Amino acid sequence: MNKKYLFIILILVIIIYGECTPYTVTVPDGFVELQNEHFYNFRAVSANNSVLAIKYVSNKEKGDLAFWYKVITNFIILKKAYKFVKEDKYTCTNGVEGKAALYETVFRGEKTKYFMTLFVTKSNVIIIEFTADEKYWDNEFKNIEKFIKDMTIT
């Protein structure tokens, strides 16, 4: 095969399979990673059906942390009808600062908590979501906090 064709094939393989995620994570204790998730870039579930997910999108609009936090918070409160509880700040292991918020709702008769953490870089908006029934929250959330703090954002 001609070197030109090999080079084209190599480029196509890199484009198709070489997408680099803007973060590095380790699946938290008590969770297993789910494969072939189409909407999320990372998704894990516990035996109690608590869900941890990461979605990242391009920050081509060049919004900052305050802008994206407001956009996402408005969506969660206005469109999903969650009740805002509190907000906090988080810093991942390599020093990137993020902002988080805790929300509550009732889902299928169970009080449910939803925790969203947001990191913004020049290139990406990284959204970490965690949801669990209130009865499992305290036990599982400590692993999620460690997961967030141990992340590396690139």
Protein backbone atom coordinates (compact mmCIF):
# COMPACT_ATOMS: atom_id res chain seq x y z
CA MET A 1 0.00 0.00 0.00
CA ASN A 2 1.17 3.46 -0.84
CA LYS A 3 2.50 5.68 2.03
CA LYS A 4 -0.06 8.37 1.13
CA TYR A 5 -2.95 5.96 1.78
CA LEU A 6 -1.41 4.72 5.02
CA PHE A 7 -1.15 8.31 6.23
CA ILE A 8 -4.81 9.00 5.36
CA ILE A 9 -5.92 5.83 7.17
CA LEU A 10 -3.85 6.82 10.21
CA ILE A 11 -5.45 10.28 10.31
CA LEU A 12 -8.94 8.76 10.04
CA VAL A 13 -8.22 6.34 12.90
CA ILE A 14 -7.00 9.19 15.09
CA ILE A 15 -10.09 11.28 14.28
CA ILE A 16 -12.51 8.42 14.91
CA TYR A 17 -10.88 6.76 17.91
CA GLY A 18 -8.46 9.30 19.26
CA GLU A 19 -10.78 11.74 20.94
CA CYS A 20 -9.12 12.86 24.15
CA THR A 21 -11.28 13.58 27.15
CA PRO A 22 -10.54 16.82 28.98
CA TYR A 23 -10.39 15.00 32.32
CA THR A 24 -8.94 11.94 34.01
CA VAL A 25 -11.00 10.02 36.57
CA THR A 26 -11.05 6.80 38.54
CA VAL A 27 -14.39 5.07 39.09
CA PRO A 28 -15.38 5.73 42.73
CA ASP A 29 -15.70 2.95 45.29
CA GLY A 30 -19.08 1.26 45.16
CA PHE A 31 -19.71 2.15 41.50
CA VAL A 32 -19.23 0.39 38.18
CA GLU A 33 -18.69 2.22 34.90
CA LEU A 34 -21.31 1.70 32.22
CA GLN A 35 -20.08 1.29 28.66
CA ASN A 36 -21.55 2.55 25.38
CA GLU A 37 -23.24 5.59 26.85
CA HIS A 38 -24.29 7.91 24.05
CA PHE A 39 -25.36 11.07 25.83
CA TYR A 40 -22.71 11.06 28.55
CA ASN A 41 -18.96 10.79 28.15
CA PHE A 42 -18.73 8.85 31.41
CA ARG A 43 -21.44 7.15 33.44
CA ALA A 44 -21.29 4.92 36.51
CA VAL A 45 -23.94 3.39 38.73
CA SER A 46 -24.02 2.02 42.28
CA ALA A 47 -25.87 -1.04 43.54
CA ASN A 48 -28.43 1.40 45.01
CA ASN A 49 -29.10 2.82 41.52
CA SER A 50 -27.34 6.10 42.28
CA VAL A 51 -25.88 7.56 39.10
CA LEU A 52 -22.69 9.51 38.45
CA ALA A 53 -22.24 11.02 35.00
CA ILE A 54 -19.92 13.39 33.16
CA LYS A 55 -20.75 15.32 30.03
CA TYR A 56 -18.38 17.72 28.38
CA VAL A 57 -19.02 20.11 25.53
CA SER A 58 -16.90 22.59 23.65
CA ASN A 59 -16.61 26.05 25.13
CA LYS A 60 -16.56 27.65 21.69
CA GLU A 61 -18.67 30.51 23.07
CA LYS A 62 -15.80 31.21 25.52
CA GLY A 63 -18.14 31.58 28.50
CA ASP A 64 -16.59 31.64 31.97
CA LEU A 65 -17.54 29.61 35.05
CA ALA A 66 -20.08 32.17 36.29
CA PHE A 67 -21.84 32.28 32.91
CA TRP A 68 -22.13 28.49 32.46
CA TYR A 69 -23.11 27.99 36.11
CA LYS A 70 -26.01 30.42 35.71
CA VAL A 71 -27.14 28.82 32.42
CA ILE A 72 -27.15 25.31 33.87
CA THR A 73 -28.69 26.33 37.20
CA ASN A 74 -31.54 28.12 35.42
CA PHE A 75 -32.15 25.03 33.30
CA ILE A 76 -32.20 22.71 36.33
CA ILE A 77 -34.56 24.93 38.32
CA LEU A 78 -36.85 26.21 35.55
CA LYS A 79 -37.01 23.23 33.18
CA LYS A 80 -36.48 20.28 35.50
CA ALA A 81 -38.30 21.83 38.52
CA TYR A 82 -35.62 20.96 41.05
CA LYS A 83 -35.46 22.93 44.30
CA PHE A 84 -32.12 24.66 44.90
CA VAL A 85 -30.58 23.74 48.28
CA LYS A 86 -27.03 25.16 48.36
CA GLU A 87 -23.92 25.87 46.35
CA ASP A 88 -20.27 25.17 46.98
CA LYS A 89 -16.84 25.42 45.36
CA TYR A 90 -14.59 22.51 44.47
CA THR A 91 -11.00 22.33 43.32
CA CYS A 92 -9.77 19.26 41.48
CA THR A 93 -6.38 17.70 42.10
CA ASN A 94 -4.51 19.87 39.57
CA GLY A 95 -5.96 23.15 40.87
CA VAL A 96 -8.82 23.85 38.44
CA GLU A 97 -11.63 25.52 40.37
CA GLY A 98 -15.24 24.59 39.86
CA LYS A 99 -18.63 25.42 41.25
CA ALA A 100 -21.26 23.01 42.51
CA ALA A 101 -24.90 23.06 43.52
CA LEU A 102 -27.19 20.69 45.37
CA TYR A 103 -30.86 20.34 44.40
CA GLU A 104 -33.77 18.22 45.61
CA THR A 105 -36.92 16.82 44.09
CA VAL A 106 -39.37 13.99 44.61
CA PHE A 107 -39.09 11.20 42.03
CA ARG A 108 -41.43 8.21 42.10
CA GLY A 109 -42.42 9.06 45.64
CA GLU A 110 -38.82 9.18 46.91
CA LYS A 111 -36.96 12.30 47.96
CA THR A 112 -34.03 12.52 45.54
CA LYS A 113 -30.93 14.68 45.63
CA TYR A 114 -29.15 15.93 42.54
CA PHE A 115 -25.62 17.35 42.71
CA MET A 116 -24.06 19.19 39.80
CA THR A 117 -20.41 20.27 39.64
CA LEU A 118 -19.11 22.43 36.83
CA PHE A 119 -15.57 23.04 35.60
CA VAL A 120 -14.86 25.42 32.73
CA THR A 121 -11.64 25.71 30.75
CA LYS A 122 -10.86 27.76 27.66
CA SER A 123 -11.77 24.74 25.55
CA ASN A 124 -14.43 22.80 27.46
CA VAL A 125 -17.39 22.90 29.81
CA ILE A 126 -17.33 19.81 32.04
CA ILE A 127 -20.50 18.92 33.91
CA ILE A 128 -20.47 16.27 36.62
CA GLU A 129 -23.86 15.04 37.79
CA PHE A 130 -24.68 12.80 40.72
CA THR A 131 -28.17 11.74 41.75
CA ALA A 132 -29.29 9.43 44.54
CA ASP A 133 -32.27 8.70 46.71
CA GLU A 134 -31.96 10.62 49.97
CA LYS A 135 -31.71 7.38 52.00
CA TYR A 136 -28.42 6.51 50.19
CA TRP A 137 -27.04 10.02 49.91
CA ASP A 138 -24.75 10.29 52.94
CA ASN A 139 -23.13 6.92 52.35
CA GLU A 140 -22.41 7.48 48.65
CA PHE A 141 -21.77 11.22 48.48
CA LYS A 142 -18.46 11.01 50.36
CA ASN A 143 -17.13 8.83 47.50
CA ILE A 144 -18.42 11.35 44.95
CA GLU A 145 -16.70 14.26 46.70
CA LYS A 146 -13.45 12.32 46.65
CA PHE A 147 -14.03 11.47 42.96
CA ILE A 148 -14.42 15.18 42.10
CA LYS A 149 -11.45 16.36 44.14
CA ASP A 150 -9.25 13.59 42.68
CA MET A 151 -10.11 14.49 39.05
CA THR A 152 -7.55 16.01 36.76
CA ILE A 153 -8.97 18.61 34.35
CA THR A 154 -6.90 19.32 31.24
